[in-house]
C-alpha atoms as a PDB file:
ATOM      1  CA  MET A   1      23.869  86.134-107.836  1.00  0.00           C
ATOM      2  CA  GLU A   2      23.784  87.380-111.416  1.00  0.00           C
ATOM      3  CA  LEU A   3      20.380  87.354-113.148  1.00  0.00           C
ATOM      4  CA  THR A   4      19.118  87.885-116.689  1.00  0.00           C
ATOM      5  CA  PHE A   5      15.630  89.277-117.316  1.00  0.00           C
ATOM      6  CA  THR A   6      13.734  89.183-120.598  1.00  0.00           C
ATOM      7  CA  CYS A   7      11.486  92.204-121.173  1.00  0.00           C
ATOM      8  CA  ASP A   8       8.146  92.106-122.989  1.00  0.00           C
ATOM      9  CA  ASP A   9       9.786  93.302-126.225  1.00  0.00           C
ATOM     10  CA  GLY A  10      12.404  90.519-126.066  1.00  0.00           C
ATOM     11  CA  ARG A  11      15.305  92.694-124.895  1.00  0.00           C
ATOM     12  CA  GLU A  12      17.499  91.123-122.208  1.00  0.00           C
ATOM     13  CA  ILE A  13      18.772  93.137-119.256  1.00  0.00           C
ATOM     14  CA  HIS A  14      21.069  92.050-116.457  1.00  0.00           C
ATOM     15  CA  GLY A  15      20.985  92.423-112.705  1.00  0.00           C
ATOM     16  CA  THR A  16      22.429  91.232-109.406  1.00  0.00           C
ATOM     17  CA  LEU A  17      20.564  89.632-106.508  1.00  0.00           C
ATOM     18  CA  PHE A  18      21.735  90.180-102.931  1.00  0.00           C
ATOM     19  CA  GLU A  19      20.248  87.475-100.714  1.00  0.00           C
ATOM     20  CA  VAL A  20      19.456  87.674 -97.021  1.00  0.00           C
ATOM     21  CA  PRO A  21      21.776  85.555 -94.820  1.00  0.00           C
ATOM     22  CA  CYS A  22      20.152  82.438 -93.358  1.00  0.00           C
ATOM     23  CA  SER A  23      20.632  83.770 -89.830  1.00  0.00           C
ATOM     24  CA  VAL A  24      18.675  86.992 -90.528  1.00  0.00           C
ATOM     25  CA  GLU A  25      14.888  87.354 -90.553  1.00  0.00           C
ATOM     26  CA  HIS A  26      13.612  87.970 -94.090  1.00  0.00           C
ATOM     27  CA  ARG A  27      11.578  91.206 -94.189  1.00  0.00           C
ATOM     28  CA  GLY A  28      10.908  91.523 -97.914  1.00  0.00           C
ATOM     29  CA  THR A  29      12.519  92.643-101.156  1.00  0.00           C
ATOM     30  CA  VAL A  30      13.885  95.998-102.304  1.00  0.00           C
ATOM     31  CA  VAL A  31      14.419  96.778-105.993  1.00  0.00           C
ATOM     32  CA  ILE A  32      16.943  99.574-106.591  1.00  0.00           C
ATOM     33  CA  GLY A  33      16.573 101.786-109.673  1.00  0.00           C
ATOM     34  CA  SER A  34      19.667 103.631-110.945  1.00  0.00           C
ATOM     35  CA  ALA A  35      20.189 107.203-112.037  1.00  0.00           C
ATOM     36  CA  THR A  36      20.684 108.028-115.715  1.00  0.00           C
ATOM     37  CA  ALA A  37      24.185 107.154-116.982  1.00  0.00           C
ATOM     38  CA  VAL A  38      25.053 105.295-113.755  1.00  0.00           C
ATOM     39  CA  THR A  39      25.653 101.535-113.648  1.00  0.00           C
ATOM     40  CA  ALA A  40      23.966  99.315-111.096  1.00  0.00           C
ATOM     41  CA  GLY A  41      27.331  98.567-109.513  1.00  0.00           C
ATOM     42  CA  TYR A  42      27.264 102.001-107.900  1.00  0.00           C
ATOM     43  CA  TYR A  43      24.468 100.763-105.619  1.00  0.00           C
ATOM     44  CA  HIS A  44      25.928  97.365-104.726  1.00  0.00           C
ATOM     45  CA  ARG A  45      27.248  98.497-101.334  1.00  0.00           C
ATOM     46  CA  TYR A  46      23.813  99.794-100.384  1.00  0.00           C
ATOM     47  CA  ALA A  47      22.177  96.604-101.692  1.00  0.00           C
ATOM     48  CA  ALA A  48      24.524  94.469 -99.563  1.00  0.00           C
ATOM     49  CA  PHE A  49      23.610  96.605 -96.542  1.00  0.00           C
ATOM     50  CA  LEU A  50      19.895  96.000 -97.156  1.00  0.00           C
ATOM     51  CA  ALA A  51      20.455  92.253 -97.526  1.00  0.00           C
ATOM     52  CA  ALA A  52      22.341  92.091 -94.226  1.00  0.00           C
ATOM     53  CA  ALA A  53      19.370  93.897 -92.631  1.00  0.00           C
ATOM     54  CA  GLY A  54      16.815  91.386 -93.919  1.00  0.00           C
ATOM     55  CA  TYR A  55      15.819  92.648 -97.368  1.00  0.00           C
ATOM     56  CA  THR A  56      16.579  90.717-100.517  1.00  0.00           C
ATOM     57  CA  ALA A  57      17.990  93.471-102.751  1.00  0.00           C
ATOM     58  CA  LEU A  58      18.003  93.601-106.523  1.00  0.00           C
ATOM     59  CA  THR A  59      19.999  95.956-108.753  1.00  0.00           C
ATOM     60  CA  PHE A  60      19.974  96.039-112.555  1.00  0.00           C
ATOM     61  CA  ASP A  61      21.243  97.976-115.545  1.00  0.00           C
ATOM     62  CA  TYR A  62      18.809  99.576-117.973  1.00  0.00           C
ATOM     63  CA  ARG A  63      19.027  98.641-121.639  1.00  0.00           C
ATOM     64  CA  GLY A  64      21.972 100.441-123.245  1.00  0.00           C
ATOM     65  CA  ILE A  65      23.824 100.821-119.905  1.00  0.00           C
ATOM     66  CA  GLY A  66      26.551  98.764-118.200  1.00  0.00           C
ATOM     67  CA  ASP A  67      25.931  95.012-118.286  1.00  0.00           C
ATOM     68  CA  SER A  68      22.742  95.614-120.304  1.00  0.00           C
ATOM     69  CA  ARG A  69      24.495  97.727-122.944  1.00  0.00           C
ATOM     70  CA  GLY A  70      23.809  95.109-125.617  1.00  0.00           C
ATOM     71  CA  GLY A  71      26.830  95.740-127.840  1.00  0.00           C
ATOM     72  CA  SER A  72      27.272  98.900-129.882  1.00  0.00           C
ATOM     73  CA  LEU A  73      24.879 101.714-129.006  1.00  0.00           C
ATOM     74  CA  ARG A  74      24.778 102.870-132.616  1.00  0.00           C
ATOM     75  CA  GLY A  75      21.309 102.265-133.959  1.00  0.00           C
ATOM     76  CA  GLN A  76      19.793 101.312-130.603  1.00  0.00           C
ATOM     77  CA  LYS A  77      16.366 102.934-130.268  1.00  0.00           C
ATOM     78  CA  VAL A  78      15.989 103.464-126.527  1.00  0.00           C
ATOM     79  CA  ARG A  79      13.940 106.109-124.752  1.00  0.00           C
ATOM     80  CA  TRP A  80      13.729 107.075-121.097  1.00  0.00           C
ATOM     81  CA  TYR A  81      10.133 105.889-120.798  1.00  0.00           C
ATOM     82  CA  GLN A  82      11.181 102.400-121.953  1.00  0.00           C
ATOM     83  CA  TRP A  83      13.538 102.159-118.998  1.00  0.00           C
ATOM     84  CA  GLY A  84      10.471 102.527-116.791  1.00  0.00           C
ATOM     85  CA  SER A  85       7.692 100.809-118.714  1.00  0.00           C
ATOM     86  CA  LEU A  86       9.815  97.839-119.852  1.00  0.00           C
ATOM     87  CA  ASP A  87      13.017  97.483-117.804  1.00  0.00           C
ATOM     88  CA  ILE A  88      11.877  98.539-114.326  1.00  0.00           C
ATOM     89  CA  ASP A  89       8.558  96.790-114.897  1.00  0.00           C
ATOM     90  CA  THR A  90      10.237  93.495-115.809  1.00  0.00           C
ATOM     91  CA  VAL A  91      12.461  93.538-112.731  1.00  0.00           C
ATOM     92  CA  LEU A  92       9.517  94.407-110.492  1.00  0.00           C
ATOM     93  CA  ASP A  93       7.559  91.505-111.972  1.00  0.00           C
ATOM     94  CA  TRP A  94      10.411  89.111-111.160  1.00  0.00           C
ATOM     95  CA  ALA A  95      10.745  90.481-107.616  1.00  0.00           C
ATOM     96  CA  LEU A  96       7.017  90.204-106.958  1.00  0.00           C
ATOM     97  CA  SER A  97       6.954  86.646-108.307  1.00  0.00           C
ATOM     98  CA  HIS A  98       9.840  85.591-106.045  1.00  0.00           C
ATOM     99  CA  SER A  99       8.927  87.523-102.894  1.00  0.00           C
ATOM    100  CA  GLY A 100       7.379  84.583-101.059  1.00  0.00           C
ATOM    101  CA  GLY A 101       4.448  86.736-100.036  1.00  0.00           C
ATOM    102  CA  LYS A 102       6.688  89.332 -98.377  1.00  0.00           C
ATOM    103  CA  PRO A 103       6.350  93.011 -99.382  1.00  0.00           C
ATOM    104  CA  VAL A 104       8.327  94.406-102.288  1.00  0.00           C
ATOM    105  CA  HIS A 105       9.589  97.973-101.918  1.00  0.00           C
ATOM    106  CA  TYR A 106      11.488 100.228-104.299  1.00  0.00           C
ATOM    107  CA  VAL A 107      14.382 102.657-103.856  1.00  0.00           C
ATOM    108  CA  GLY A 108      15.065 104.882-106.849  1.00  0.00           C
ATOM    109  CA  HIS A 109      17.849 107.387-107.460  1.00  0.00           C
ATOM    110  CA  SER A 110      17.319 110.346-109.817  1.00  0.00           C
ATOM    111  CA  PHE A 111      15.534 109.035-112.937  1.00  0.00           C
ATOM    112  CA  GLY A 112      15.169 105.685-111.189  1.00  0.00           C
ATOM    113  CA  GLY A 113      12.926 107.333-108.621  1.00  0.00           C
ATOM    114  CA  PHE A 114      10.762 108.941-111.275  1.00  0.00           C
ATOM    115  CA  GLY A 115      10.763 106.044-113.740  1.00  0.00           C
ATOM    116  CA  VAL A 116       9.169 103.538-111.386  1.00  0.00           C
ATOM    117  CA  GLY A 117       5.784 105.207-111.889  1.00  0.00           C
ATOM    118  CA  LEU A 118       5.932 104.263-115.575  1.00  0.00           C
ATOM    119  CA  ALA A 119       5.909 100.554-114.691  1.00  0.00           C
ATOM    120  CA  ALA A 120       2.607  98.686-114.537  1.00  0.00           C
ATOM    121  CA  ASN A 121       3.872  96.569-111.632  1.00  0.00           C
ATOM    122  CA  ALA A 122       4.532  99.662-109.520  1.00  0.00           C
ATOM    123  CA  ALA A 123       0.850  99.387-108.536  1.00  0.00           C
ATOM    124  CA  ARG A 124       1.816  96.322-106.460  1.00  0.00           C
ATOM    125  CA  LEU A 125       4.639  97.905-104.444  1.00  0.00           C
ATOM    126  CA  GLY A 126       4.604  98.366-100.684  1.00  0.00           C
ATOM    127  CA  ARG A 127       6.675 101.545-100.268  1.00  0.00           C
ATOM    128  CA  ILE A 128       8.681 103.765-102.581  1.00  0.00           C
ATOM    129  CA  LEU A 129      11.701 105.748-101.439  1.00  0.00           C
ATOM    130  CA  THR A 130      13.233 108.190-103.920  1.00  0.00           C
ATOM    131  CA  VAL A 131      16.546 110.030-103.656  1.00  0.00           C
ATOM    132  CA  GLY A 132      17.031 113.084-105.856  1.00  0.00           C
ATOM    133  CA  ALA A 133      14.169 111.956-108.107  1.00  0.00           C
ATOM    134  CA  GLN A 134      13.043 114.174-111.004  1.00  0.00           C
ATOM    135  CA  HIS A 135      13.200 114.215-114.792  1.00  0.00           C
ATOM    136  CA  ALA A 136      15.510 117.206-115.215  1.00  0.00           C
ATOM    137  CA  TYR A 137      12.989 119.791-116.411  1.00  0.00           C
ATOM    138  CA  TRP A 138      15.246 122.788-116.864  1.00  0.00           C
ATOM    139  CA  ARG A 139      12.919 125.423-115.393  1.00  0.00           C
ATOM    140  CA  ASP A 140      12.970 123.588-112.047  1.00  0.00           C
ATOM    141  CA  LEU A 141      16.702 124.239-111.746  1.00  0.00           C
ATOM    142  CA  THR A 142      18.321 127.312-110.268  1.00  0.00           C
ATOM    143  CA  LEU A 143      19.550 129.868-112.811  1.00  0.00           C
ATOM    144  CA  ARG A 144      23.166 128.739-112.470  1.00  0.00           C
ATOM    145  CA  HIS A 145      22.234 125.114-113.063  1.00  0.00           C
ATOM    146  CA  GLN A 146      19.912 126.017-115.936  1.00  0.00           C
ATOM    147  CA  LEU A 147      22.964 127.393-117.700  1.00  0.00           C
ATOM    148  CA  GLY A 148      24.865 124.212-116.889  1.00  0.00           C
ATOM    149  CA  HIS A 149      22.038 122.078-118.258  1.00  0.00           C
ATOM    150  CA  TRP A 150      21.966 123.909-121.567  1.00  0.00           C
ATOM    151  CA  GLY A 151      25.747 123.772-121.714  1.00  0.00           C
ATOM    152  CA  ARG A 152      25.601 119.966-121.471  1.00  0.00           C
ATOM    153  CA  ALA A 153      22.841 119.904-124.079  1.00  0.00           C
ATOM    154  CA  ALA A 154      24.990 122.013-126.400  1.00  0.00           C
ATOM    155  CA  LEU A 155      27.741 119.420-125.964  1.00  0.00           C
ATOM    156  CA  MET A 156      25.437 116.433-126.474  1.00  0.00           C
ATOM    157  CA  LEU A 157      23.255 117.356-129.413  1.00  0.00           C
ATOM    158  CA  PRO A 158      25.881 117.943-132.137  1.00  0.00           C
ATOM    159  CA  LEU A 159      27.578 114.630-131.300  1.00  0.00           C
ATOM    160  CA  LEU A 160      24.499 112.416-131.553  1.00  0.00           C
ATOM    161  CA  PRO A 161      24.006 112.301-135.363  1.00  0.00           C
ATOM    162  CA  THR A 162      27.749 111.963-135.935  1.00  0.00           C
ATOM    163  CA  VAL A 163      28.680 109.349-133.335  1.00  0.00           C
ATOM    164  CA  GLY A 164      25.302 107.600-133.092  1.00  0.00           C
ATOM    165  CA  TYR A 165      25.180 107.797-129.294  1.00  0.00           C
ATOM    166  CA  PHE A 166      26.431 110.115-126.554  1.00  0.00           C
ATOM    167  CA  PRO A 167      30.080 109.113-125.848  1.00  0.00           C
ATOM    168  CA  ALA A 168      30.143 110.211-122.212  1.00  0.00           C
ATOM    169  CA  LYS A 169      33.066 107.950-121.251  1.00  0.00           C
ATOM    170  CA  ARG A 170      35.235 109.428-123.999  1.00  0.00           C
ATOM    171  CA  LEU A 171      34.521 112.859-122.557  1.00  0.00           C
ATOM    172  CA  GLY A 172      35.478 111.798-119.031  1.00  0.00           C
ATOM    173  CA  LEU A 173      31.864 111.817-117.827  1.00  0.00           C
ATOM    174  CA  MET A 174      29.706 108.845-116.760  1.00  0.00           C
ATOM    175  CA  GLU A 175      28.241 106.031-118.900  1.00  0.00           C
ATOM    176  CA  ASP A 176      27.613 106.322-122.636  1.00  0.00           C
ATOM    177  CA  LEU A 177      23.954 106.901-123.525  1.00  0.00           C
ATOM    178  CA  PRO A 178      21.747 105.713-126.394  1.00  0.00           C
ATOM    179  CA  VAL A 179      20.606 108.561-128.666  1.00  0.00           C
ATOM    180  CA  GLY A 180      16.978 108.580-127.483  1.00  0.00           C
ATOM    181  CA  VAL A 181      17.871 108.744-123.801  1.00  0.00           C
ATOM    182  CA  ALA A 182      20.409 111.504-124.456  1.00  0.00           C
ATOM    183  CA  LEU A 183      17.736 113.474-126.329  1.00  0.00           C
ATOM    184  CA  ASP A 184      15.212 113.019-123.520  1.00  0.00           C
ATOM    185  CA  TRP A 185      17.761 114.294-121.009  1.00  0.00           C
ATOM    186  CA  ALA A 186      18.961 117.197-123.140  1.00  0.00           C
ATOM    187  CA  ARG A 187      15.526 118.434-124.251  1.00  0.00           C
ATOM    188  CA  SER A 188      14.197 118.414-120.698  1.00  0.00           C
ATOM    189  CA  ARG A 189      10.459 118.774-121.358  1.00  0.00           C
ATOM    190  CA  LYS A 190       7.967 120.032-118.788  1.00  0.00           C
ATOM    191  CA  ASP A 191       5.658 117.077-119.459  1.00  0.00           C
ATOM    192  CA  PHE A 192       7.790 113.955-119.485  1.00  0.00           C
ATOM    193  CA  THR A 193       5.221 111.784-121.248  1.00  0.00           C
ATOM    194  CA  THR A 194       5.331 113.867-124.453  1.00  0.00           C
ATOM    195  CA  ALA A 195       8.279 111.646-125.468  1.00  0.00           C
ATOM    196  CA  ALA A 196       5.712 108.864-125.933  1.00  0.00           C
ATOM    197  CA  ARG A 197       2.971 108.922-128.531  1.00  0.00           C
ATOM    198  CA  GLY A 198      -0.709 107.995-128.701  1.00  0.00           C
ATOM    199  CA  SER A 199      -1.638 104.833-126.848  1.00  0.00           C
ATOM    200  CA  GLN A 200       1.841 104.622-125.276  1.00  0.00           C
ATOM    201  CA  ARG A 201       1.323 107.949-123.571  1.00  0.00           C
ATOM    202  CA  VAL A 202      -2.137 106.921-122.343  1.00  0.00           C
ATOM    203  CA  SER A 203      -0.664 103.690-120.974  1.00  0.00           C
ATOM    204  CA  LEU A 204       2.125 105.497-119.104  1.00  0.00           C
ATOM    205  CA  ARG A 205      -0.351 107.877-117.506  1.00  0.00           C
ATOM    206  CA  ALA A 206      -2.506 104.924-116.456  1.00  0.00           C
ATOM    207  CA  HIS A 207       0.480 103.227-114.831  1.00  0.00           C
ATOM    208  CA  GLN A 208       1.289 106.393-112.882  1.00  0.00           C
ATOM    209  CA  ALA A 209      -2.314 106.790-111.745  1.00  0.00           C
ATOM    210  CA  ALA A 210      -2.403 103.166-110.534  1.00  0.00           C
ATOM    211  CA  VAL A 211       0.463 103.655-108.065  1.00  0.00           C
ATOM    212  CA  THR A 212      -0.834 103.873-104.492  1.00  0.00           C
ATOM    213  CA  ALA A 213       2.293 103.034-102.468  1.00  0.00           C
ATOM    214  CA  PRO A 214       3.401 105.824-100.117  1.00  0.00           C
ATOM    215  CA  ILE A 215       6.308 107.782-101.577  1.00  0.00           C
ATOM    216  CA  LEU A 216       8.981 109.443 -99.480  1.00  0.00           C
ATOM    217  CA  ALA A 217      10.957 111.773-101.761  1.00  0.00           C
ATOM    218  CA  LEU A 218      14.315 112.892-100.379  1.00  0.00           C
ATOM    219  CA  ALA A 219      17.251 114.926-101.638  1.00  0.00           C
ATOM    220  CA  PRO A 220      20.043 117.038-100.178  1.00  0.00           C
ATOM    221  CA  ASP A 221      19.223 120.724-100.332  1.00  0.00           C
ATOM    222  CA  ASP A 222      22.349 121.276-102.465  1.00  0.00           C
ATOM    223  CA  ASP A 223      21.316 118.722-105.100  1.00  0.00           C
ATOM    224  CA  SER A 224      21.443 120.746-108.318  1.00  0.00           C
ATOM    225  CA  TYR A 225      18.788 118.575-109.994  1.00  0.00           C
ATOM    226  CA  ALA A 226      16.369 117.801-107.179  1.00  0.00           C
ATOM    227  CA  THR A 227      15.071 121.197-106.182  1.00  0.00           C
ATOM    228  CA  ILE A 228      11.793 121.271-104.278  1.00  0.00           C
ATOM    229  CA  PRO A 229       9.853 122.217-107.467  1.00  0.00           C
ATOM    230  CA  ALA A 230      11.509 119.334-109.340  1.00  0.00           C
ATOM    231  CA  MET A 231      10.677 116.819-106.618  1.00  0.00           C
ATOM    232  CA  GLU A 232       7.109 118.071-106.297  1.00  0.00           C
ATOM    233  CA  ARG A 233       6.685 117.809-110.061  1.00  0.00           C
ATOM    234  CA  ALA A 234       7.912 114.201-109.932  1.00  0.00           C
ATOM    235  CA  VAL A 235       5.496 113.033-107.222  1.00  0.00           C
ATOM    236  CA  ALA A 236       2.606 114.872-108.920  1.00  0.00           C
ATOM    237  CA  TYR A 237       2.776 112.281-111.728  1.00  0.00           C
ATOM    238  CA  THR A 238       1.549 109.648-109.228  1.00  0.00           C
ATOM    239  CA  PRO A 239      -1.440 111.530-107.773  1.00  0.00           C
ATOM    240  CA  ASN A 240      -2.926 108.545-105.946  1.00  0.00           C
ATOM    241  CA  SER A 241       0.168 107.897-103.829  1.00  0.00           C
ATOM    242  CA  PRO A 242       0.433 109.678-100.487  1.00  0.00           C
ATOM    243  CA  SER A 243       3.745 111.501-100.802  1.00  0.00           C
ATOM    244  CA  ARG A 244       6.096 113.591 -98.734  1.00  0.00           C
ATOM    245  CA  VAL A 245       8.960 115.709-100.085  1.00  0.00           C
ATOM    246  CA  ILE A 246      11.890 116.451 -97.756  1.00  0.00           C
ATOM    247  CA  HIS A 247      15.118 118.332 -98.361  1.00  0.00           C
ATOM    248  CA  LEU A 248      18.009 117.008 -96.268  1.00  0.00           C
ATOM    249  CA  HIS A 249      20.661 119.307 -94.810  1.00  0.00           C
ATOM    250  CA  PRO A 250      24.315 118.282 -95.357  1.00  0.00           C
ATOM    251  CA  SER A 251      25.166 119.585 -91.882  1.00  0.00           C
ATOM    252  CA  ASP A 252      22.952 116.863 -90.371  1.00  0.00           C
ATOM    253  CA  TYR A 253      25.434 114.356 -91.820  1.00  0.00           C
ATOM    254  CA  GLY A 254      28.542 116.262 -90.795  1.00  0.00           C
ATOM    255  CA  GLU A 255      29.101 117.585 -94.313  1.00  0.00           C
ATOM    256  CA  THR A 256      29.156 120.962 -96.020  1.00  0.00           C
ATOM    257  CA  SER A 257      27.884 119.449 -99.278  1.00  0.00           C
ATOM    258  CA  LEU A 258      26.212 116.229-100.456  1.00  0.00           C
ATOM    259  CA  GLY A 259      25.040 116.963-103.987  1.00  0.00           C
ATOM    260  CA  HIS A 260      23.317 114.442-106.234  1.00  0.00           C
ATOM    261  CA  PHE A 261      25.391 111.285-105.651  1.00  0.00           C
ATOM    262  CA  ALA A 262      27.042 111.159-102.230  1.00  0.00           C
ATOM    263  CA  LEU A 263      24.319 109.484-100.171  1.00  0.00           C
ATOM    264  CA  PHE A 264      24.936 106.051-101.721  1.00  0.00           C
ATOM    265  CA  HIS A 265      28.561 106.084-100.547  1.00  0.00           C
ATOM    266  CA  SER A 266      29.280 103.602 -97.760  1.00  0.00           C
ATOM    267  CA  ARG A 267      30.344 106.341 -95.315  1.00  0.00           C
ATOM    268  CA  TYR A 268      26.619 107.006 -94.830  1.00  0.00           C
ATOM    269  CA  ARG A 269      25.960 103.419 -93.706  1.00  0.00           C
ATOM    270  CA  HIS A 270      25.319 104.428 -90.107  1.00  0.00           C
ATOM    271  CA  THR A 271      23.377 107.594 -90.881  1.00  0.00           C
ATOM    272  CA  PHE A 272      21.406 107.933 -94.109  1.00  0.00           C
ATOM    273  CA  TRP A 273      21.331 104.202 -94.879  1.00  0.00           C
ATOM    274  CA  GLU A 274      20.006 103.391 -91.418  1.00  0.00           C
ATOM    275  CA  GLN A 275      17.341 106.073 -91.869  1.00  0.00           C
ATOM    276  CA  THR A 276      16.201 104.539 -95.166  1.00  0.00           C
ATOM    277  CA  LEU A 277      16.032 101.143 -93.493  1.00  0.00           C
ATOM    278  CA  GLY A 278      13.847 102.564 -90.734  1.00  0.00           C
ATOM    279  CA  TRP A 279      11.403 103.958 -93.240  1.00  0.00           C
ATOM    280  CA  LEU A 280      11.289 100.739 -95.293  1.00  0.00           C
ATOM    281  CA  ASN A 281      10.509  98.912 -92.033  1.00  0.00           C
ATOM    282  CA  GLY A 282       7.441 101.111 -91.617  1.00  0.00           C
ATOM    283  CA  ASP A 283       8.824 103.636 -89.148  1.00  0.00           C
ATOM    284  CA  GLY A 284       9.052 107.404 -89.522  1.00  0.00           C
ATOM    285  CA  TRP A 285      11.880 109.370 -91.086  1.00  0.00           C
ATOM    286  CA  GLY A 286      14.111 110.886 -88.388  1.00  0.00           C
ATOM    287  CA  HIS A 287      12.353 113.937 -86.973  1.00  0.00           C
ATOM    288  CA  HIS A 288       9.862 113.814 -89.848  1.00  0.00           C
ATOM    289  CA  PRO A 289       7.505 110.927 -88.994  1.00  0.00           C
ATOM    290  CA  TRP A 290       5.467 109.455 -91.810  1.00  0.00           C
ATOM    291  CA  GLU A 291       1.825 110.426 -91.449  1.00  0.00           C
END
């Protein structure tokens, strides 16, 4: 089912609801937050899996992306923190209002796993599972990937004032990005909230401090973005949530490499996906039980 959400600032974003079959016990709701420059459709197979297992699943595109692009990106003033404080927050509010008293959990990939802490409604979540979550601070990357990050920044920055957005599709990359989001990604600050100002920054910090849901932060150990320092930096923004950071080994999944994106492919339905379902159900994580 296709849904339209109206954020507090009036901006509309679009999502898809995956409902639990009538023959399956309803366990709760899972909201899925996307990575930067990735459309919600990338997570539809995983969302359908969760629905078949008893969780109403909800995917959505951030403003300026995919079905929420909102026309031309030229002139759109969109920042990373707005994806969390407005877009994720609005979808969480809808999910919590329609949960029928069942728990609402959150699964976030890359920025989606970090951005949830910026949402006021994250304080009402049951569990948070993040995959490769961080905000791309360049010093957390290995030396080789630091060079790659600055290479991408060198490609991005000169284009922004000329084109008015980052034309990733034209360059054979992922989704086009609004200028503000591209700048946030390229500049890669140590303190993410410096992109906000004054009372906005205070509000974001308060939202992060209000999160108390347990966070399980996962990433393959060959994920170029989600190094252990990057993941630890991400969970440190929500100091009142009990958190655990685990690097996964590709060999445990019969692979030599997984990287930043592979784990949402359907070939991991019977391995990684089943593990995430176990944790959302309240069980441990493989040989790493939740404590």
